[in-house]
Amino acid sequence: METAVSIPDRSGVVADLEDALASYLCVRHVVTTCTGTAAPHSMYAAAGIGPGDEVSSRR
């Protein structure tokens, strides 16, 4: 595990896991994160949401 995990270049078991999840979920991309806090932060950055933006919870 110590030699297979390489987050900077997305190789090893991290790449295998993300690829398997993308296939299982029928989506193009999956990004794993190290914490539940990092997950929404990554989503905000990917969606271009920044300070001062309003996010509605309406459905």
Protein backbone atom coordinates (compact mmCIF):
# COMPACT_ATOMS: atom_id res chain seq x y z
CA MET A 1 0.00 0.00 0.00
CA GLU A 2 2.81 2.45 0.81
CA THR A 3 4.40 2.07 -2.60
CA ALA A 4 1.21 1.84 -4.68
CA VAL A 5 -0.54 5.03 -3.52
CA SER A 6 0.51 8.12 -5.41
CA ILE A 7 -1.93 11.00 -5.26
CA PRO A 8 0.12 13.65 -7.13
CA ASP A 9 0.16 11.72 -10.41
CA ARG A 10 -3.04 9.69 -9.90
CA SER A 11 -1.49 6.26 -10.23
CA GLY A 12 -1.57 2.98 -8.38
CA VAL A 13 -4.55 1.97 -6.26
CA VAL A 14 -5.96 5.51 -6.27
CA ALA A 15 -6.34 5.47 -10.05
CA ASP A 16 -7.70 1.92 -9.96
CA LEU A 17 -10.31 2.87 -7.35
CA GLU A 18 -11.39 6.04 -9.17
CA ASP A 19 -11.64 4.22 -12.50
CA ALA A 20 -13.66 1.38 -10.96
CA LEU A 21 -16.02 3.82 -9.24
CA ALA A 22 -16.50 5.82 -12.44
CA SER A 23 -17.36 2.63 -14.31
CA TYR A 24 -19.72 1.41 -11.58
CA LEU A 25 -21.49 4.78 -11.32
CA CYS A 26 -21.59 5.27 -15.13
CA VAL A 27 -19.88 8.67 -14.91
CA ARG A 28 -16.85 10.12 -16.68
CA HIS A 29 -14.86 11.27 -13.65
CA VAL A 30 -14.46 10.38 -9.98
CA VAL A 31 -12.21 12.24 -7.56
CA THR A 32 -11.56 10.66 -4.19
CA THR A 33 -10.78 12.91 -1.23
CA CYS A 34 -9.18 12.33 2.13
CA THR A 35 -11.95 13.86 4.27
CA GLY A 36 -15.63 14.73 4.21
CA THR A 37 -14.59 18.38 4.39
CA ALA A 38 -12.32 18.16 1.35
CA ALA A 39 -15.12 16.67 -0.77
CA PRO A 40 -17.42 19.73 -0.85
CA HIS A 41 -14.40 22.06 -1.11
CA SER A 42 -13.36 20.18 -4.27
CA MET A 43 -16.90 20.37 -5.62
CA TYR A 44 -17.09 24.13 -4.99
CA ALA A 45 -13.80 24.66 -6.82
CA ALA A 46 -14.87 22.46 -9.76
CA ALA A 47 -18.20 24.32 -10.02
CA GLY A 48 -16.51 27.72 -9.83
CA ILE A 49 -18.30 28.65 -6.60
CA GLY A 50 -16.35 31.19 -4.60
CA PRO A 51 -16.60 33.74 -1.82
CA GLY A 52 -19.70 35.91 -2.20
CA ASP A 53 -21.56 33.39 -4.39
CA GLU A 54 -24.97 32.32 -3.15
CA VAL A 55 -25.85 28.65 -3.17
CA SER A 56 -29.53 27.76 -2.86
CA SER A 57 -30.82 24.53 -1.37
CA ARG A 58 -34.08 24.72 -3.36
CA ARG A 59 -34.91 21.65 -5.38
